[in-house]
Protein backbone atom coordinates (compact mmCIF):
# COMPACT_ATOMS: atom_id res chain seq x y z
CA MET A 1 -74.23 28.06 -11.08
CA LYS A 2 -72.65 31.45 -11.11
CA SER A 3 -69.25 31.97 -12.66
CA THR A 4 -67.76 33.12 -9.34
CA THR A 5 -68.93 29.90 -7.70
CA LYS A 6 -67.44 27.85 -10.54
CA ARG A 7 -64.18 29.77 -10.26
CA LEU A 8 -64.08 29.35 -6.48
CA SER A 9 -64.86 25.61 -6.68
CA SER A 10 -62.23 25.04 -9.40
CA THR A 11 -59.64 26.96 -7.32
CA PHE A 12 -60.55 24.89 -4.26
CA LEU A 13 -60.27 21.69 -6.34
CA ALA A 14 -56.86 22.77 -7.70
CA LEU A 15 -55.60 23.47 -4.16
CA LEU A 16 -56.96 20.12 -2.99
CA LEU A 17 -55.15 18.31 -5.84
CA LEU A 18 -51.95 20.24 -5.06
CA ALA A 19 -52.20 19.23 -1.40
CA ILE A 20 -52.77 15.58 -2.38
CA ALA A 21 -49.72 15.71 -4.70
CA ALA A 22 -47.55 17.21 -1.93
CA ILE A 23 -48.69 14.57 0.58
CA ALA A 24 -48.03 11.79 -1.95
CA PHE A 25 -44.55 13.20 -2.64
CA PHE A 26 -43.52 13.52 1.00
CA GLU A 27 -45.10 10.23 2.11
CA LEU A 28 -44.30 7.97 -0.83
CA VAL A 29 -41.55 9.38 -3.06
CA GLN A 30 -39.23 11.05 -0.55
CA PRO A 31 -38.58 7.94 1.63
CA GLU A 32 -37.94 5.78 -1.43
CA TYR A 33 -35.56 8.38 -2.85
CA THR A 34 -33.64 8.42 0.44
CA THR A 35 -33.45 4.61 0.37
CA LEU A 36 -32.24 4.72 -3.23
CA MET A 37 -29.48 7.21 -2.39
CA THR A 38 -28.39 5.07 0.56
CA LEU A 39 -28.18 1.99 -1.66
CA LYS A 40 -26.24 3.90 -4.32
CA GLY A 41 -23.75 5.09 -1.70
CA LYS A 42 -23.35 1.57 -0.35
CA ALA A 43 -22.78 0.18 -3.85
CA ALA A 44 -20.18 2.86 -4.58
CA SER A 45 -18.31 2.16 -1.34
CA GLU A 46 -18.35 -1.59 -2.04
CA GLN A 47 -16.97 -0.94 -5.53
CA GLN A 48 -14.18 1.15 -4.01
CA LEU A 49 -13.47 -1.57 -1.44
CA LEU A 50 -13.34 -4.19 -4.19
CA ALA A 51 -10.89 -2.10 -6.21
CA SER A 52 -8.62 -1.59 -3.20
CA GLU A 53 -8.77 -5.30 -2.31
CA GLN A 54 -7.87 -6.24 -5.88
CA LYS A 55 -4.94 -3.82 -5.74
CA LEU A 56 -3.77 -5.42 -2.48
CA VAL A 57 -4.06 -8.91 -3.97
CA THR A 58 -1.98 -7.80 -6.96
CA GLN A 59 0.68 -6.33 -4.65
CA ALA A 60 0.71 -9.47 -2.51
CA GLN A 61 1.10 -11.62 -5.63
CA SER A 62 4.05 -9.53 -6.81
CA VAL A 63 5.68 -9.81 -3.38
CA LEU A 64 5.10 -13.57 -3.41
CA ASP A 65 6.61 -13.86 -6.89
CA SER A 66 9.59 -11.81 -5.75
CA TYR A 67 10.03 -14.04 -2.70
CA GLN A 68 9.84 -17.17 -4.82
CA SER A 69 12.49 -15.84 -7.20
CA GLN A 70 14.67 -14.98 -4.19
CA SER A 71 14.17 -18.44 -2.71
CA SER A 72 15.30 -20.02 -5.97
CA SER A 73 18.47 -17.89 -5.89
CA THR A 74 18.92 -18.90 -2.23
CA GLN A 75 18.68 -22.53 -3.32
CA ALA A 76 21.37 -21.87 -5.93
CA VAL A 77 23.64 -20.43 -3.22
CA ASN A 78 22.91 -23.40 -0.95
CA LEU A 79 23.83 -25.80 -3.74
CA ALA A 80 27.06 -23.88 -4.35
CA MET A 81 28.12 -24.07 -0.71
CA PRO A 82 30.18 -27.07 0.42
CA ILE A 83 28.66 -29.69 2.67
CA GLY A 84 31.65 -30.16 4.97
CA GLN A 85 33.99 -27.69 6.68
CA ASP A 86 35.85 -26.41 3.63
CA SER A 87 36.26 -22.72 4.52
CA ALA A 88 38.72 -21.95 1.77
CA GLY A 89 36.51 -23.55 -0.85
CA ALA A 90 33.47 -21.72 0.53
CA VAL A 91 35.20 -18.35 0.32
CA ALA A 92 36.37 -19.14 -3.22
CA GLN A 93 32.83 -20.04 -4.23
CA LEU A 94 31.47 -16.83 -2.64
CA TYR A 95 33.98 -14.78 -4.62
CA GLY A 96 33.04 -16.70 -7.76
CA LEU A 97 29.31 -16.06 -7.19
CA ALA A 98 29.99 -12.38 -6.53
CA THR A 99 32.05 -12.04 -9.69
CA ASN A 100 29.39 -13.75 -11.79
CA SER A 101 26.73 -11.45 -10.33
CA GLY A 102 28.81 -8.32 -10.84
CA LEU A 103 29.26 -7.70 -7.12
CA VAL A 104 32.36 -6.81 -5.15
CA VAL A 105 33.07 -8.63 -1.89
CA GLN A 106 34.54 -6.23 0.65
CA SER A 107 35.00 -8.53 3.59
CA VAL A 108 34.22 -12.07 4.73
CA GLY A 109 33.90 -13.21 8.32
CA ILE A 110 33.98 -16.91 9.19
CA SER A 111 33.05 -18.46 12.49
CA LEU A 112 32.98 -22.20 12.80
CA GLN A 113 30.22 -23.68 14.92
CA ALA A 114 29.43 -27.23 15.78
CA ALA A 115 26.75 -28.71 13.55
CA PRO A 116 23.50 -29.52 15.38
CA GLN A 117 23.16 -33.19 16.25
CA ALA A 118 20.34 -35.04 14.52
CA ALA A 119 17.80 -36.61 16.85
CA ALA A 120 18.02 -40.37 16.77
């Protein structure tokens, strides 16, 4: 075999191998890489969603704790209020609660209403 024939056949073989490598890349590697990037993006968005959901749960828990502490103070006010129609005593107790809490009462309005009748 002549050297030019060897050189030509080795060049042809190199081009054939290069073409096979390009076909393998575009047919096998490229679609899998695209799938991998899609999965990575989905995982990142789910992580972000999880973090935001955890933040919302924490905020909801703090609001719930705040509400529960307010309901316990509401219960304290309810226990301090008289059961019957003792307006003067009720106003005195409101002023006492305000003084203990460091608040100033500016005005008090009282309207007496009939108590709802219990169903028998």
